[in-house]
Every structure is written in C-alpha cells, then in structure tokens.
C-alpha cells in the first residue's frame, strides 16, 4: 500500500502515544482535547484505550491550527460541533474561519511591524558600532534620531527589495 493510500485509510489506527509523537503533543494534551469534546468521533478499543485514525489525526491538526491562530478551546469545540451538524452549518463555519483569519492577519501585521522595527534597530546599532559612536545617528547632543538615519535605512530596504 502506498503511503498516500495509507494516509487516507481510516482502518489503520494509532495509539495515543504515536499520535502525540507525530503531532509534537503530550499524551495529556490529547486527553484534555478529548475531554473538552474536541474529538467526539474518537473510538476506543476493547480495553478502553483511545484509537486514532488518520481522520482523527487531521481533526487534531485542525484543533492545533485553530489554537495557533488564537482560537479558544470553547470556540474550537463549537466549530467541531458545527462540523458534525453537516451542511446546515456551512455558513457558520465559513464565517467563523473568516473572522479568525482576519484576527490572525491583524496579529501577523503587528508582528511584522515589530520585526521591521527590530531590523531597523539592529542596523542602527551595527552602523553605530562600525563608526564607533551612536552620534552618527543623532541630532546634535540629543538622543533624537535624525531623519537622515531613517531615510538611509529606508533606501537600503528599497534597494534590497529591488535586488530580489
């Protein structure tokens, strides 16, 4: 059987430990998600142990993706509930994902702005170190950064983007 066929085959099952290792989670985290109702279709073997199919693993990955996007456990459980209800909740699910995409994009934009500021400060201090003084960037005897410093950095950034 090809690997891609095995990944689509829900007859192959995995232990909680296998799934934890595969997804980089703890067994306790998976048990928590199950207890919170995020894995309602999860089956158990004759001994009461959880057994996971590829579909269960994809559901867990969705939960992790939602978590990483800042979605609460409660909201993830609501999303899973809608998923189980079928087609009548398609619009709810689409709206939910669009709203969280917007929130995540705002966070990404904010992080990108912070990263840009850090890059500027790294350049600022590297050039000051090369010159042996921070004064090359300051207005007179103040701690105010000159407009020329900002302009020089902006030009470097513009030139670098042209080189791409």
Protein backbone atom coordinates (compact mmCIF):
# COMPACT_ATOMS: atom_id res chain seq x y z
CA UNK A 1 0.00 0.00 0.00
CA UNK A 2 1.32 3.44 -0.93
CA UNK A 3 1.91 5.96 1.85
CA UNK A 4 -0.73 8.31 0.46
CA UNK A 5 -3.27 5.47 0.37
CA UNK A 6 -2.44 4.58 3.98
CA UNK A 7 -2.95 8.20 5.00
CA UNK A 8 -6.47 8.16 3.57
CA UNK A 9 -7.27 4.70 5.02
CA UNK A 10 -9.20 5.08 8.27
CA UNK A 11 -8.88 1.37 9.01
CA UNK A 12 -5.30 1.90 10.19
CA UNK A 13 -5.26 3.01 13.80
CA UNK A 14 -2.66 4.62 16.02
CA UNK A 15 -2.12 4.75 19.76
CA UNK A 16 -2.31 7.97 21.71
CA UNK A 17 1.45 7.83 22.17
CA UNK A 18 2.02 7.51 18.42
CA UNK A 19 -0.26 10.47 17.75
CA UNK A 20 1.38 12.56 20.47
CA UNK A 21 4.79 11.94 18.96
CA UNK A 22 3.58 12.59 15.41
CA UNK A 23 1.96 15.93 16.32
CA UNK A 24 4.50 17.04 18.93
CA UNK A 25 1.95 16.94 21.74
CA UNK A 26 1.85 15.35 25.13
CA UNK A 27 -0.49 12.46 25.81
CA UNK A 28 -2.08 14.67 28.49
CA UNK A 29 -2.82 17.39 25.93
CA UNK A 30 -4.61 14.92 23.68
CA UNK A 31 -6.61 13.60 26.62
CA UNK A 32 -7.53 17.18 27.50
CA UNK A 33 -8.77 17.91 23.97
CA UNK A 34 -10.81 14.72 24.08
CA UNK A 35 -12.28 15.63 27.49
CA UNK A 36 -13.21 19.08 26.15
CA UNK A 37 -15.30 17.48 23.41
CA UNK A 38 -12.95 18.25 20.53
CA UNK A 39 -12.68 14.61 19.44
CA UNK A 40 -16.29 13.39 19.58
CA UNK A 41 -15.79 10.65 16.97
CA UNK A 42 -12.77 9.12 18.66
CA UNK A 43 -13.12 5.38 19.16
CA UNK A 44 -11.79 3.16 21.93
CA UNK A 45 -10.54 -0.40 21.74
CA UNK A 46 -11.85 -3.30 23.82
CA UNK A 47 -9.52 -2.26 26.65
CA UNK A 48 -10.91 1.31 26.69
CA UNK A 49 -7.81 2.84 25.10
CA UNK A 50 -8.24 5.60 22.56
CA UNK A 51 -7.50 4.56 18.97
CA UNK A 52 -6.87 7.19 16.32
CA UNK A 53 -7.47 7.06 12.59
CA UNK A 54 -5.99 9.42 10.02
CA UNK A 55 -9.25 11.40 10.18
CA UNK A 56 -8.85 11.81 13.95
CA UNK A 57 -5.28 13.00 13.42
CA UNK A 58 -6.47 15.53 10.83
CA UNK A 59 -9.09 16.73 13.32
CA UNK A 60 -6.40 17.14 15.97
CA UNK A 61 -4.22 19.05 13.48
CA UNK A 62 -7.17 21.37 12.78
CA UNK A 63 -7.53 21.94 16.54
CA UNK A 64 -3.83 22.78 16.76
CA UNK A 65 -4.08 25.14 13.80
CA UNK A 66 -7.05 26.89 15.41
CA UNK A 67 -5.18 27.06 18.71
CA UNK A 68 -2.15 28.60 16.98
CA UNK A 69 -4.48 31.13 15.37
CA UNK A 70 -5.64 32.19 18.85
CA UNK A 71 -8.96 30.34 18.85
CA UNK A 72 -10.13 29.28 22.31
CA UNK A 73 -10.92 25.68 23.23
CA UNK A 74 -14.57 26.67 23.64
CA UNK A 75 -14.71 28.15 20.14
CA UNK A 76 -12.85 25.16 18.68
CA UNK A 77 -15.43 22.88 20.29
CA UNK A 78 -18.20 24.99 18.72
CA UNK A 79 -16.52 24.68 15.33
CA UNK A 80 -16.27 20.90 15.74
CA UNK A 81 -19.93 20.77 16.77
CA UNK A 82 -20.90 22.68 13.62
CA UNK A 83 -18.77 20.32 11.54
CA UNK A 84 -20.67 17.36 12.92
CA UNK A 85 -24.04 19.00 12.19
CA UNK A 86 -23.31 18.98 8.48
CA UNK A 87 -24.29 21.23 5.62
CA UNK A 88 -26.71 23.44 7.55
CA UNK A 89 -23.70 24.95 9.36
CA UNK A 90 -21.53 25.62 6.32
CA UNK A 91 -22.11 29.39 6.55
CA UNK A 92 -21.39 29.39 10.31
CA UNK A 93 -18.10 27.60 9.71
CA UNK A 94 -17.13 29.84 6.80
CA UNK A 95 -17.92 32.97 8.85
CA UNK A 96 -16.03 31.60 11.86
CA UNK A 97 -12.90 30.93 9.81
CA UNK A 98 -13.09 34.29 8.04
CA UNK A 99 -13.34 36.14 11.36
CA UNK A 100 -10.40 34.25 12.81
CA UNK A 101 -8.39 34.75 9.63
CA UNK A 102 -8.95 38.50 9.97
CA UNK A 103 -7.85 38.43 13.63
CA UNK A 104 -4.77 36.35 12.79
CA UNK A 105 -3.83 38.63 9.90
CA UNK A 106 -4.01 41.62 12.25
CA UNK A 107 -1.66 39.86 14.66
CA UNK A 108 0.69 38.94 11.79
CA UNK A 109 0.71 42.56 10.59
CA UNK A 110 1.53 43.74 14.10
CA UNK A 111 4.33 41.18 14.42
CA UNK A 112 5.71 42.18 11.02
CA UNK A 113 5.79 45.82 12.13
CA UNK A 114 7.63 44.79 15.30
CA UNK A 115 10.09 42.75 13.23
CA UNK A 116 10.69 45.69 10.92
CA UNK A 117 11.45 47.90 13.92
CA UNK A 118 13.86 45.30 15.30
CA UNK A 119 15.62 45.12 11.93
CA UNK A 120 15.97 48.88 11.90
CA UNK A 121 17.43 48.89 15.42
CA UNK A 122 19.87 46.10 14.51
CA UNK A 123 21.07 48.11 11.52
CA UNK A 124 21.20 51.26 13.67
CA UNK A 125 23.46 49.65 16.27
CA UNK A 126 25.63 47.84 13.72
CA UNK A 127 26.35 51.09 11.89
CA UNK A 128 26.97 52.88 15.19
CA UNK A 129 29.40 50.13 16.22
CA UNK A 130 31.20 50.41 12.88
CA UNK A 131 31.51 54.18 13.34
CA UNK A 132 32.49 53.82 16.97
CA UNK A 133 29.69 56.12 18.07
CA UNK A 134 25.93 56.39 18.11
CA UNK A 135 26.30 60.08 17.43
CA UNK A 136 26.25 59.42 13.67
CA UNK A 137 22.50 58.86 14.00
CA UNK A 138 21.62 61.63 16.46
CA UNK A 139 20.64 65.27 16.18
CA UNK A 140 23.40 67.28 17.86
CA UNK A 141 23.88 66.37 21.51
CA UNK A 142 20.36 64.93 21.85
CA UNK A 143 19.10 61.36 21.80
CA UNK A 144 16.79 62.20 18.88
CA UNK A 145 17.43 60.16 15.74
CA UNK A 146 17.99 62.21 12.61
CA UNK A 147 15.63 62.00 9.67
CA UNK A 148 18.67 61.18 7.52
CA UNK A 149 19.14 57.95 9.53
CA UNK A 150 15.58 56.87 8.79
CA UNK A 151 15.99 57.87 5.15
CA UNK A 152 19.28 55.93 4.82
CA UNK A 153 17.66 52.82 6.26
CA UNK A 154 14.57 53.18 4.04
CA UNK A 155 16.82 53.49 0.98
CA UNK A 156 18.70 50.34 1.99
CA UNK A 157 15.40 48.49 2.33
CA UNK A 158 14.19 49.80 -1.03
CA UNK A 159 17.46 48.80 -2.73
CA UNK A 160 17.32 45.36 -1.12
CA UNK A 161 13.77 44.76 -2.40
CA UNK A 162 14.86 45.77 -5.91
CA UNK A 163 17.64 43.16 -5.77
CA UNK A 164 15.05 40.42 -5.22
